[in-house]
Amino acid sequence: MATDVRKLGFGAVLLLVSTLAILATGIINTPLPDPLAAVAALGLAAGSLLVGLSEDGAGV
C-alpha cells in the first residue's frame, strides 16, 4: 500500500505538538487555558484522523 507522506508527516506533527501542550501543563502544574485546551483536543483528533487516512484506500 502506498502512503501519503504529507498526511502522515503533518498528522504526526499535529499529534506531537498537541500531546506536548497537554502533557507539559500537567508536568508543570499550571492549568491549560480553555481555548488552548480546545485547540489541543482538536489537534489530537485531526492528527489521528490524518495518520489513519494516510494510506491509500484506508478508511477510519
PDB file of N, CA and C in Angstrom:
ATOM      1  N   MET A   1       0.836  -1.190   0.000  1.00  0.00           N
ATOM      2  CA  MET A   1       0.000   0.000   0.000  1.00  0.00           C
ATOM      3  C   MET A   1       0.874   1.244   0.000  1.00  0.00           C
ATOM      4  N   ALA A   2       0.477   2.205  -0.790  1.00  0.00           N
ATOM      5  CA  ALA A   2       1.201   3.473  -0.828  1.00  0.00           C
ATOM      6  C   ALA A   2       0.751   4.349   0.334  1.00  0.00           C
ATOM      7  N   THR A   3       1.679   5.128   0.848  1.00  0.00           N
ATOM      8  CA  THR A   3       1.383   6.013   1.973  1.00  0.00           C
ATOM      9  C   THR A   3       1.556   7.447   1.522  1.00  0.00           C
ATOM     10  N   ASP A   4       0.595   8.291   1.846  1.00  0.00           N
ATOM     11  CA  ASP A   4       0.713   9.716   1.570  1.00  0.00           C
ATOM     12  C   ASP A   4       1.589  10.319   2.661  1.00  0.00           C
ATOM     13  N   VAL A   5       2.825  10.627   2.304  1.00  0.00           N
ATOM     14  CA  VAL A   5       3.821  11.063   3.280  1.00  0.00           C
ATOM     15  C   VAL A   5       3.446  12.409   3.888  1.00  0.00           C
ATOM     16  N   ARG A   6       2.838  13.288   3.102  1.00  0.00           N
ATOM     17  CA  ARG A   6       2.461  14.603   3.635  1.00  0.00           C
ATOM     18  C   ARG A   6       1.405  14.467   4.724  1.00  0.00           C
ATOM     19  N   LYS A   7       0.401  13.648   4.496  1.00  0.00           N
ATOM     20  CA  LYS A   7      -0.636  13.443   5.513  1.00  0.00           C
ATOM     21  C   LYS A   7      -0.053  12.806   6.757  1.00  0.00           C
ATOM     22  N   LEU A   8       0.795  11.818   6.565  1.00  0.00           N
ATOM     23  CA  LEU A   8       1.402  11.122   7.692  1.00  0.00           C
ATOM     24  C   LEU A   8       2.290  12.062   8.498  1.00  0.00           C
ATOM     25  N   GLY A   9       3.109  12.828   7.819  1.00  0.00           N
ATOM     26  CA  GLY A   9       4.006  13.756   8.499  1.00  0.00           C
ATOM     27  C   GLY A   9       3.274  14.866   9.222  1.00  0.00           C
ATOM     28  N   PHE A  10       2.304  15.490   8.555  1.00  0.00           N
ATOM     29  CA  PHE A  10       1.547  16.571   9.181  1.00  0.00           C
ATOM     30  C   PHE A  10       0.717  16.053  10.343  1.00  0.00           C
ATOM     31  N   GLY A  11       0.140  14.872  10.193  1.00  0.00           N
ATOM     32  CA  GLY A  11      -0.638  14.282  11.281  1.00  0.00           C
ATOM     33  C   GLY A  11       0.219  13.952  12.480  1.00  0.00           C
ATOM     34  N   ALA A  12       1.423  13.427  12.230  1.00  0.00           N
ATOM     35  CA  ALA A  12       2.327  13.101  13.327  1.00  0.00           C
ATOM     36  C   ALA A  12       2.792  14.356  14.062  1.00  0.00           C
ATOM     37  N   VAL A  13       3.082  15.411  13.315  1.00  0.00           N
ATOM     38  CA  VAL A  13       3.490  16.675  13.941  1.00  0.00           C
ATOM     39  C   VAL A  13       2.348  17.255  14.756  1.00  0.00           C
ATOM     40  N   LEU A  14       1.150  17.200  14.215  1.00  0.00           N
ATOM     41  CA  LEU A  14      -0.024  17.721  14.922  1.00  0.00           C
ATOM     42  C   LEU A  14      -0.271  16.934  16.207  1.00  0.00           C
ATOM     43  N   LEU A  15      -0.130  15.620  16.152  1.00  0.00           N
ATOM     44  CA  LEU A  15      -0.268  14.800  17.354  1.00  0.00           C
ATOM     45  C   LEU A  15       0.808  15.125  18.381  1.00  0.00           C
ATOM     46  N   LEU A  16       2.033  15.289  17.931  1.00  0.00           N
ATOM     47  CA  LEU A  16       3.140  15.562  18.838  1.00  0.00           C
ATOM     48  C   LEU A  16       2.973  16.913  19.534  1.00  0.00           C
ATOM     49  N   VAL A  17       2.646  17.951  18.777  1.00  0.00           N
ATOM     50  CA  VAL A  17       2.502  19.285  19.361  1.00  0.00           C
ATOM     51  C   VAL A  17       1.329  19.330  20.332  1.00  0.00           C
ATOM     52  N   SER A  18       0.218  18.736  19.962  1.00  0.00           N
ATOM     53  CA  SER A  18      -0.960  18.747  20.836  1.00  0.00           C
ATOM     54  C   SER A  18      -0.707  17.960  22.118  1.00  0.00           C
ATOM     55  N   THR A  19      -0.056  16.814  21.982  1.00  0.00           N
ATOM     56  CA  THR A  19       0.260  16.000  23.151  1.00  0.00           C
ATOM     57  C   THR A  19       1.219  16.729  24.083  1.00  0.00           C
ATOM     58  N   LEU A  20       2.241  17.353  23.516  1.00  0.00           N
ATOM     59  CA  LEU A  20       3.189  18.096  24.341  1.00  0.00           C
ATOM     60  C   LEU A  20       2.526  19.263  25.061  1.00  0.00           C
ATOM     61  N   ALA A  21       1.585  19.937  24.403  1.00  0.00           N
ATOM     62  CA  ALA A  21       0.892  21.058  25.049  1.00  0.00           C
ATOM     63  C   ALA A  21       0.089  20.577  26.256  1.00  0.00           C
ATOM     64  N   ILE A  22      -0.566  19.439  26.121  1.00  0.00           N
ATOM     65  CA  ILE A  22      -1.382  18.919  27.221  1.00  0.00           C
ATOM     66  C   ILE A  22      -0.505  18.349  28.336  1.00  0.00           C
ATOM     67  N   LEU A  23       0.495  17.559  27.976  1.00  0.00           N
ATOM     68  CA  LEU A  23       1.346  16.938  28.993  1.00  0.00           C
ATOM     69  C   LEU A  23       2.233  17.945  29.717  1.00  0.00           C
ATOM     70  N   ALA A  24       2.713  18.960  29.014  1.00  0.00           N
ATOM     71  CA  ALA A  24       3.584  19.949  29.641  1.00  0.00           C
ATOM     72  C   ALA A  24       2.857  20.721  30.736  1.00  0.00           C
ATOM     73  N   THR A  25       1.596  21.030  30.528  1.00  0.00           N
ATOM     74  CA  THR A  25       0.854  21.747  31.561  1.00  0.00           C
ATOM     75  C   THR A  25       0.605  20.862  32.777  1.00  0.00           C
ATOM     76  N   GLY A  26       0.483  19.573  32.567  1.00  0.00           N
ATOM     77  CA  GLY A  26       0.319  18.656  33.698  1.00  0.00           C
ATOM     78  C   GLY A  26       1.600  18.492  34.493  1.00  0.00           C
ATOM     79  N   ILE A  27       2.726  18.520  33.788  1.00  0.00           N
ATOM     80  CA  ILE A  27       4.008  18.350  34.466  1.00  0.00           C
ATOM     81  C   ILE A  27       4.358  19.575  35.303  1.00  0.00           C
ATOM     82  N   ILE A  28       4.090  20.770  34.768  1.00  0.00           N
ATOM     83  CA  ILE A  28       4.467  21.987  35.498  1.00  0.00           C
ATOM     84  C   ILE A  28       3.339  22.518  36.379  1.00  0.00           C
ATOM     85  N   ASN A  29       2.263  21.764  36.482  1.00  0.00           N
ATOM     86  CA  ASN A  29       1.133  22.087  37.369  1.00  0.00           C
ATOM     87  C   ASN A  29       0.527  23.466  37.139  1.00  0.00           C
ATOM     88  N   THR A  30       0.405  23.852  35.886  1.00  0.00           N
ATOM     89  CA  THR A  30      -0.315  25.082  35.556  1.00  0.00           C
ATOM     90  C   THR A  30      -1.518  24.696  34.707  1.00  0.00           C
ATOM     91  N   PRO A  31      -2.648  25.331  34.954  1.00  0.00           N
ATOM     92  CA  PRO A  31      -3.832  24.974  34.162  1.00  0.00           C
ATOM     93  C   PRO A  31      -3.700  25.439  32.717  1.00  0.00           C
ATOM     94  N   LEU A  32      -4.247  24.653  31.822  1.00  0.00           N
ATOM     95  CA  LEU A  32      -4.267  24.979  30.406  1.00  0.00           C
ATOM     96  C   LEU A  32      -5.479  25.864  30.147  1.00  0.00           C
ATOM     97  N   PRO A  33      -5.296  27.054  29.553  1.00  0.00           N
ATOM     98  CA  PRO A  33      -6.461  27.899  29.254  1.00  0.00           C
ATOM     99  C   PRO A  33      -7.461  27.160  28.364  1.00  0.00           C
ATOM    100  N   ASP A  34      -8.740  27.447  28.572  1.00  0.00           N
ATOM    101  CA  ASP A  34      -9.787  26.717  27.853  1.00  0.00           C
ATOM    102  C   ASP A  34      -9.643  26.767  26.334  1.00  0.00           C
ATOM    103  N   PRO A  35      -9.372  27.931  25.723  1.00  0.00           N
ATOM    104  CA  PRO A  35      -9.225  27.923  24.258  1.00  0.00           C
ATOM    105  C   PRO A  35      -8.045  27.070  23.787  1.00  0.00           C
ATOM    106  N   LEU A  36      -6.950  27.094  24.535  1.00  0.00           N
ATOM    107  CA  LEU A  36      -5.796  26.283  24.158  1.00  0.00           C
ATOM    108  C   LEU A  36      -6.086  24.796  24.349  1.00  0.00           C
ATOM    109  N   ALA A  37      -6.827  24.459  25.380  1.00  0.00           N
ATOM    110  CA  ALA A  37      -7.210  23.063  25.600  1.00  0.00           C
ATOM    111  C   ALA A  37      -8.108  22.567  24.467  1.00  0.00           C
ATOM    112  N   ALA A  38      -9.009  23.418  24.017  1.00  0.00           N
ATOM    113  CA  ALA A  38      -9.888  23.036  22.907  1.00  0.00           C
ATOM    114  C   ALA A  38      -9.091  22.825  21.626  1.00  0.00           C
ATOM    115  N   VAL A  39      -8.138  23.711  21.359  1.00  0.00           N
ATOM    116  CA  VAL A  39      -7.308  23.577  20.159  1.00  0.00           C
ATOM    117  C   VAL A  39      -6.438  22.328  20.251  1.00  0.00           C
ATOM    118  N   ALA A  40      -5.905  22.030  21.436  1.00  0.00           N
ATOM    119  CA  ALA A  40      -5.082  20.830  21.611  1.00  0.00           C
ATOM    120  C   ALA A  40      -5.916  19.565  21.410  1.00  0.00           C
ATOM    121  N   ALA A  41      -7.133  19.558  21.918  1.00  0.00           N
ATOM    122  CA  ALA A  41      -8.001  18.384  21.735  1.00  0.00           C
ATOM    123  C   ALA A  41      -8.367  18.198  20.262  1.00  0.00           C
ATOM    124  N   LEU A  42      -8.653  19.287  19.578  1.00  0.00           N
ATOM    125  CA  LEU A  42      -8.942  19.196  18.144  1.00  0.00           C
ATOM    126  C   LEU A  42      -7.704  18.777  17.362  1.00  0.00           C
ATOM    127  N   GLY A  43      -6.534  19.207  17.828  1.00  0.00           N
ATOM    128  CA  GLY A  43      -5.294  18.796  17.181  1.00  0.00           C
ATOM    129  C   GLY A  43      -5.054  17.304  17.313  1.00  0.00           C
ATOM    130  N   LEU A  44      -5.368  16.753  18.475  1.00  0.00           N
ATOM    131  CA  LEU A  44      -5.250  15.300  18.654  1.00  0.00           C
ATOM    132  C   LEU A  44      -6.207  14.553  17.724  1.00  0.00           C
ATOM    133  N   ALA A  45      -7.422  15.041  17.626  1.00  0.00           N
ATOM    134  CA  ALA A  45      -8.411  14.383  16.762  1.00  0.00           C
ATOM    135  C   ALA A  45      -8.021  14.491  15.294  1.00  0.00           C
ATOM    136  N   ALA A  46      -7.620  15.682  14.865  1.00  0.00           N
ATOM    137  CA  ALA A  46      -7.255  15.879  13.464  1.00  0.00           C
ATOM    138  C   ALA A  46      -5.979  15.114  13.113  1.00  0.00           C
ATOM    139  N   GLY A  47      -5.017  15.105  14.027  1.00  0.00           N
ATOM    140  CA  GLY A  47      -3.777  14.383  13.768  1.00  0.00           C
ATOM    141  C   GLY A  47      -3.995  12.891  13.632  1.00  0.00           C
ATOM    142  N   SER A  48      -4.800  12.332  14.505  1.00  0.00           N
ATOM    143  CA  SER A  48      -5.058  10.894  14.419  1.00  0.00           C
ATOM    144  C   SER A  48      -5.869  10.558  13.161  1.00  0.00           C
ATOM    145  N   LEU A  49      -6.745  11.448  12.744  1.00  0.00           N
ATOM    146  CA  LEU A  49      -7.501  11.229  11.510  1.00  0.00           C
ATOM    147  C   LEU A  49      -6.575  11.267  10.300  1.00  0.00           C
ATOM    148  N   LEU A  50      -5.656  12.229  10.272  1.00  0.00           N
ATOM    149  CA  LEU A  50      -4.721  12.309   9.151  1.00  0.00           C
ATOM    150  C   LEU A  50      -3.798  11.095   9.091  1.00  0.00           C
ATOM    151  N   VAL A  51      -3.313  10.655  10.230  1.00  0.00           N
ATOM    152  CA  VAL A  51      -2.458   9.470  10.242  1.00  0.00           C
ATOM    153  C   VAL A  51      -3.249   8.241   9.797  1.00  0.00           C
ATOM    154  N   GLY A  52      -4.492   8.139  10.236  1.00  0.00           N
ATOM    155  CA  GLY A  52      -5.324   6.998   9.850  1.00  0.00           C
ATOM    156  C   GLY A  52      -5.673   6.979   8.378  1.00  0.00           C
ATOM    157  N   LEU A  53      -5.770   8.150   7.769  1.00  0.00           N
ATOM    158  CA  LEU A  53      -6.134   8.227   6.350  1.00  0.00           C
ATOM    159  C   LEU A  53      -4.917   8.378   5.447  1.00  0.00           C
ATOM    160  N   SER A  54      -3.730   8.204   5.969  1.00  0.00           N
ATOM    161  CA  SER A  54      -2.532   8.427   5.165  1.00  0.00           C
ATOM    162  C   SER A  54      -2.267   7.308   4.150  1.00  0.00           C
ATOM    163  N   GLU A  55      -2.849   6.149   4.341  1.00  0.00           N
ATOM    164  CA  GLU A  55      -2.659   5.068   3.375  1.00  0.00           C
ATOM    165  C   GLU A  55      -3.795   5.072   2.357  1.00  0.00           C
ATOM    166  N   ASP A  56      -3.474   4.708   1.127  1.00  0.00           N
ATOM    167  CA  ASP A  56      -4.477   4.665   0.067  1.00  0.00           C
ATOM    168  C   ASP A  56      -5.521   3.605   0.359  1.00  0.00           C
ATOM    169  N   GLY A  57      -6.777   3.974   0.245  1.00  0.00           N
ATOM    170  CA  GLY A  57      -7.863   3.029   0.427  1.00  0.00           C
ATOM    171  C   GLY A  57      -8.187   2.681   1.862  1.00  0.00           C
ATOM    172  N   ALA A  58      -7.532   3.333   2.807  1.00  0.00           N
ATOM    173  CA  ALA A  58      -7.787   3.037   4.225  1.00  0.00           C
ATOM    174  C   ALA A  58      -8.787   4.032   4.781  1.00  0.00           C
ATOM    175  N   GLY A  59      -9.886   3.556   5.289  1.00  0.00           N
ATOM    176  CA  GLY A  59     -10.868   4.428   5.929  1.00  0.00           C
ATOM    177  C   GLY A  59     -10.823   4.245   7.419  1.00  0.00           C
ATOM    178  N   VAL A  60     -11.135   5.309   8.118  1.00  0.00           N
ATOM    179  CA  VAL A  60     -11.126   5.256   9.580  1.00  0.00           C
ATOM    180  C   VAL A  60     -12.532   5.124  10.073  1.00  0.00           C
TER     181      VAL A  60
END
